[in-house]
Amino acid sequence: MTTSTELRRDLFGVPLDALTLEETVQRCLDSVATGELLEVGVVNAAKIVKMRGDEALRDAVTGCGLIVADGQSVVWASRVLGRPLPERVAGIDLFQRLLYMAELRGHSVYFLGAKPEVLETMVERIRRQHTKLAIAGYRDGYYPAEESAAVADAIKGSGADLLFLGMTSPKKEVFVATHGARTGAKVVHGVGGSFDVLAGVVKRAPVAWQRMGCEWLYRALQEPRRLGRRYLTTNVAFVGLVAREYMRKGN
């Protein structure tokens, strides 16, 4: 499935789709209906910074049929640079909306990623919340890279319509780029740490923090040693990117 160029905004060489959350959900449902593969890419400030030095990650993301702004800072940057995106489309929000619609329409889903115990807890919670959802299968993300093709074949064998990847970058993007079509799923969506959130292992930021674009800070405060320096570094680098682009365009 292709995206109309009129609905795309180029930010730092990344072709972002100017869609709302509900429009993105509809695009995904349309792909399931038509049987066309749709690989969904999500980007935030940190990923955009990382993509500039990681060619494999950049190729994997830009090769997706649908790319949306997962970070509020990316939406703000799009407006500052005169290429406005309508709103943030958070990966976890898209994930949850698609679960709801899959249950409603009878589409089957597959979950790949996270630690075994986290995955089991998440699946149990989802089953309680979505009692009629068809879960075609699930598998944790701790397997050798050389088994990736076999994992993709197992997903295809499950007959899943939608595949959700609870993996970190760039592992999930590389899997999508390399094996997305092989899975047979109509929609492949990398949801990052969303499995941890739905399992209750990690607490998501309150809505007020999300609206202020401070969800990253809330996350860093939960794991300051692991994430504090990383977020600070990438956020400063992203502000620098926006400033240089703003000056380059003569705004």
Protein backbone atom coordinates (compact mmCIF):
# COMPACT_ATOMS: atom_id res chain seq x y z
CA MET A 1 0.00 0.00 0.00
CA THR A 2 1.36 3.39 -0.90
CA THR A 3 0.91 6.72 0.79
CA SER A 4 -0.10 9.88 -1.06
CA THR A 5 2.84 12.28 -1.19
CA GLU A 6 0.44 15.09 -0.25
CA LEU A 7 0.09 13.50 3.18
CA ARG A 8 3.81 13.23 3.81
CA ARG A 9 6.12 15.66 5.56
CA ASP A 10 9.90 15.36 5.14
CA LEU A 11 11.74 15.92 8.41
CA PHE A 12 15.51 15.38 8.39
CA GLY A 13 15.14 13.00 5.46
CA VAL A 14 12.38 10.97 7.12
CA PRO A 15 9.06 10.89 5.20
CA LEU A 16 6.47 11.18 7.98
CA ASP A 17 2.78 10.61 7.31
CA ALA A 18 0.59 13.55 8.33
CA LEU A 19 -2.20 11.46 9.85
CA THR A 20 -4.16 11.47 13.08
CA LEU A 21 -4.33 8.41 15.30
CA GLU A 22 -7.74 7.44 13.96
CA GLU A 23 -6.61 7.90 10.35
CA THR A 24 -3.59 5.69 11.07
CA VAL A 25 -5.82 3.02 12.58
CA GLN A 26 -8.00 3.12 9.46
CA ARG A 27 -4.96 2.73 7.20
CA CYS A 28 -4.03 -0.40 9.13
CA LEU A 29 -7.55 -1.82 8.95
CA ASP A 30 -7.65 -1.12 5.22
CA SER A 31 -4.48 -3.17 4.78
CA VAL A 32 -5.98 -6.12 6.63
CA ALA A 33 -9.07 -5.85 4.46
CA THR A 34 -7.14 -5.75 1.18
CA GLY A 35 -4.46 -8.23 2.21
CA GLU A 36 -1.65 -5.78 1.44
CA LEU A 37 1.33 -5.71 3.78
CA LEU A 38 1.70 -2.50 5.75
CA GLU A 39 4.84 -2.07 7.84
CA VAL A 40 4.38 0.67 10.43
CA GLY A 41 7.36 2.74 11.55
CA VAL A 42 7.29 5.11 14.52
CA VAL A 43 9.90 7.77 15.27
CA ASN A 44 10.70 10.01 18.19
CA ALA A 45 13.52 12.47 18.79
CA ALA A 46 15.94 9.80 19.98
CA LYS A 47 15.35 7.57 16.98
CA ILE A 48 15.75 10.42 14.50
CA VAL A 49 19.11 11.25 16.08
CA LYS A 50 20.17 7.61 16.06
CA MET A 51 19.12 7.13 12.43
CA ARG A 52 21.62 9.75 11.31
CA GLY A 53 24.49 7.52 12.37
CA ASP A 54 22.93 4.11 11.77
CA GLU A 55 22.32 3.41 8.09
CA ALA A 56 20.65 0.04 8.70
CA LEU A 57 18.17 1.60 11.10
CA ARG A 58 17.53 4.50 8.74
CA ASP A 59 16.88 2.21 5.77
CA ALA A 60 14.60 0.00 7.87
CA VAL A 61 12.48 2.91 9.10
CA THR A 62 12.25 4.82 5.82
CA GLY A 63 11.35 1.58 4.05
CA CYS A 64 8.11 1.28 6.03
CA GLY A 65 4.87 1.95 4.21
CA LEU A 66 3.61 4.13 7.04
CA ILE A 67 5.75 6.30 9.33
CA VAL A 68 4.26 8.34 12.16
CA ALA A 69 5.53 10.66 14.88
CA ASP A 70 5.63 8.76 18.15
CA GLY A 71 7.23 11.70 20.01
CA GLN A 72 5.57 15.03 20.80
CA SER A 73 8.87 16.81 20.17
CA VAL A 74 8.78 15.58 16.56
CA VAL A 75 5.31 17.12 16.13
CA TRP A 76 6.53 20.42 17.58
CA ALA A 77 9.58 20.36 15.29
CA SER A 78 7.36 19.76 12.26
CA ARG A 79 5.40 22.90 13.07
CA VAL A 80 8.48 25.02 13.75
CA LEU A 81 9.90 23.98 10.40
CA GLY A 82 6.69 24.66 8.50
CA ARG A 83 5.86 21.01 7.76
CA PRO A 84 3.12 20.45 10.32
CA LEU A 85 1.92 17.07 11.46
CA PRO A 86 -1.65 16.99 12.85
CA GLU A 87 -0.85 15.19 16.10
CA ARG A 88 1.33 12.69 17.84
CA VAL A 89 0.56 9.06 17.05
CA ALA A 90 2.10 7.21 19.98
CA GLY A 91 3.03 3.62 19.24
CA ILE A 92 1.33 2.34 22.39
CA ASP A 93 -1.89 4.23 21.60
CA LEU A 94 -1.95 2.78 18.09
CA PHE A 95 -1.24 -0.66 19.55
CA GLN A 96 -4.17 -0.47 21.96
CA ARG A 97 -6.58 0.93 19.38
CA LEU A 98 -5.66 -1.86 16.96
CA LEU A 99 -6.25 -4.49 19.66
CA TYR A 100 -9.72 -3.05 20.23
CA MET A 101 -10.54 -2.95 16.52
CA ALA A 102 -9.09 -6.42 15.92
CA GLU A 103 -11.40 -7.81 18.59
CA LEU A 104 -14.34 -5.94 17.10
CA ARG A 105 -13.69 -7.11 13.55
CA GLY A 106 -12.45 -10.62 14.24
CA HIS A 107 -8.83 -10.10 13.14
CA SER A 108 -6.16 -12.28 14.71
CA VAL A 109 -2.99 -10.95 16.37
CA TYR A 110 0.48 -12.21 17.24
CA PHE A 111 2.84 -10.81 19.90
CA LEU A 112 6.61 -11.09 19.53
CA GLY A 113 9.06 -9.68 22.05
CA ALA A 114 9.87 -8.93 25.70
CA LYS A 115 11.01 -11.37 28.38
CA PRO A 116 8.98 -14.59 28.76
CA GLU A 117 7.47 -13.60 32.10
CA VAL A 118 6.58 -10.10 30.88
CA LEU A 119 5.00 -11.49 27.73
CA GLU A 120 2.93 -14.03 29.65
CA THR A 121 1.64 -11.34 32.02
CA MET A 122 0.75 -9.03 29.15
CA VAL A 123 -1.08 -11.73 27.22
CA GLU A 124 -3.02 -12.70 30.34
CA ARG A 125 -4.07 -9.09 30.90
CA ILE A 126 -5.04 -8.60 27.27
CA ARG A 127 -7.16 -11.75 27.35
CA ARG A 128 -9.02 -10.44 30.37
CA GLN A 129 -9.60 -7.06 28.74
CA HIS A 130 -10.36 -8.32 25.22
CA THR A 131 -12.22 -11.56 25.85
CA LYS A 132 -13.13 -12.10 22.20
CA LEU A 133 -9.76 -11.18 20.70
CA ALA A 134 -8.25 -13.92 18.53
CA ILE A 135 -4.65 -14.35 19.68
CA ALA A 136 -2.95 -16.44 17.01
CA GLY A 137 0.21 -16.85 19.08
CA TYR A 138 3.06 -15.19 20.93
CA ARG A 139 6.76 -15.63 21.56
CA ASP A 140 9.35 -13.81 23.64
CA GLY A 141 12.06 -11.77 21.96
CA TYR A 142 15.04 -13.62 23.39
CA TYR A 143 16.15 -15.86 20.56
CA PRO A 144 19.38 -16.00 18.49
CA ALA A 145 19.45 -13.78 15.41
CA GLU A 146 19.96 -16.81 13.20
CA GLU A 147 16.51 -18.09 14.24
CA SER A 148 14.73 -14.98 12.95
CA ALA A 149 13.61 -16.62 9.70
CA ALA A 150 12.17 -19.59 11.59
CA VAL A 151 10.36 -17.22 13.93
CA ALA A 152 8.87 -15.44 10.93
CA ASP A 153 7.75 -18.77 9.47
CA ALA A 154 6.07 -19.71 12.76
CA ILE A 155 4.16 -16.42 12.69
CA LYS A 156 3.06 -17.12 9.14
CA GLY A 157 1.90 -20.55 10.20
CA SER A 158 -0.27 -18.98 12.89
CA GLY A 159 -2.24 -17.07 10.27
CA ALA A 160 -2.06 -13.82 12.22
CA ASP A 161 -3.47 -10.70 10.57
CA LEU A 162 -1.57 -8.22 12.75
CA LEU A 163 1.89 -8.64 14.24
CA PHE A 164 3.09 -6.54 17.17
CA LEU A 165 6.79 -6.44 18.00
CA GLY A 166 7.74 -5.59 21.57
CA MET A 167 11.43 -5.09 20.87
CA THR A 168 13.94 -2.28 21.20
CA SER A 169 15.48 -0.37 18.30
CA PRO A 170 17.08 -1.26 15.99
CA LYS A 171 16.18 -4.93 16.48
CA LYS A 172 12.49 -4.46 15.72
CA GLU A 173 13.10 -2.27 12.67
CA VAL A 174 15.62 -4.72 11.24
CA PHE A 175 13.23 -7.63 11.82
CA VAL A 176 10.43 -5.78 10.05
CA ALA A 177 12.65 -4.84 7.11
CA THR A 178 14.15 -8.32 6.78
CA HIS A 179 11.29 -10.63 7.69
CA GLY A 180 8.11 -8.53 7.77
CA ALA A 181 6.74 -9.88 4.49
CA ARG A 182 7.75 -13.43 5.41
CA THR A 183 5.48 -13.40 8.49
CA GLY A 184 2.37 -13.23 6.31
CA ALA A 185 0.84 -10.61 8.60
CA LYS A 186 -1.01 -7.76 6.89
CA VAL A 187 0.11 -5.18 9.47
CA VAL A 188 3.47 -5.28 11.23
CA HIS A 189 3.83 -2.73 14.01
CA GLY A 190 6.90 -2.31 16.21
CA VAL A 191 5.65 -1.14 19.61
CA GLY A 192 8.94 -0.96 21.51
CA GLY A 193 8.48 -1.07 25.28
CA SER A 194 4.67 -1.20 25.14
CA PHE A 195 4.63 -4.84 26.25
CA ASP A 196 6.27 -3.78 29.53
CA VAL A 197 3.64 -1.07 30.02
CA LEU A 198 0.67 -3.35 29.30
CA ALA A 199 2.17 -5.99 31.58
CA GLY A 200 2.39 -3.45 34.38
CA VAL A 201 6.18 -3.70 34.64
CA VAL A 202 6.67 -0.07 33.57
CA LYS A 203 4.26 2.73 34.42
CA ARG A 204 3.28 5.09 31.62
CA ALA A 205 3.44 8.83 32.18
CA PRO A 206 0.20 10.59 33.19
CA VAL A 207 -1.70 12.28 30.36
CA ALA A 208 -0.57 15.73 31.52
CA TRP A 209 3.09 14.71 31.12
CA GLN A 210 2.32 13.28 27.69
CA ARG A 211 0.70 16.50 26.53
CA MET A 212 3.69 18.52 27.72
CA GLY A 213 6.02 16.28 25.72
CA CYS A 214 7.67 15.06 28.93
CA GLU A 215 6.87 11.35 28.71
CA TRP A 216 10.57 10.72 28.13
CA LEU A 217 11.38 12.49 31.42
CA TYR A 218 8.84 10.42 33.34
CA ARG A 219 10.39 7.28 31.85
CA ALA A 220 13.91 8.45 32.71
CA LEU A 221 12.92 9.13 36.31
CA GLN A 222 11.90 5.47 36.63
CA GLU A 223 15.30 4.27 35.40
CA PRO A 224 17.70 7.23 35.80
CA ARG A 225 20.92 5.25 35.58
CA ARG A 226 19.98 3.43 32.40
CA LEU A 227 18.00 6.12 30.59
CA GLY A 228 18.86 9.51 32.09
CA ARG A 229 22.05 10.23 30.20
CA ARG A 230 20.74 8.64 27.00
CA TYR A 231 17.62 10.82 26.86
CA LEU A 232 19.51 13.98 27.79
CA THR A 233 22.09 13.39 25.07
CA THR A 234 19.60 12.60 22.31
CA ASN A 235 17.25 15.44 23.25
CA VAL A 236 20.06 17.99 23.12
CA ALA A 237 21.17 16.57 19.77
CA PHE A 238 17.60 16.76 18.43
CA VAL A 239 17.22 20.41 19.46
CA GLY A 240 20.46 21.08 17.61
CA LEU A 241 19.10 19.37 14.49
CA VAL A 242 15.94 21.47 14.57
CA ALA A 243 17.88 24.70 15.13
CA ARG A 244 20.25 24.01 12.23
CA GLU A 245 17.39 23.10 9.90
CA TYR A 246 15.48 26.23 10.94
CA MET A 247 18.50 28.41 10.17
CA ARG A 248 19.22 26.57 6.92
CA LYS A 249 15.72 27.22 5.66
CA GLY A 250 16.07 30.89 6.52
CA ASN A 251 12.96 30.91 8.69
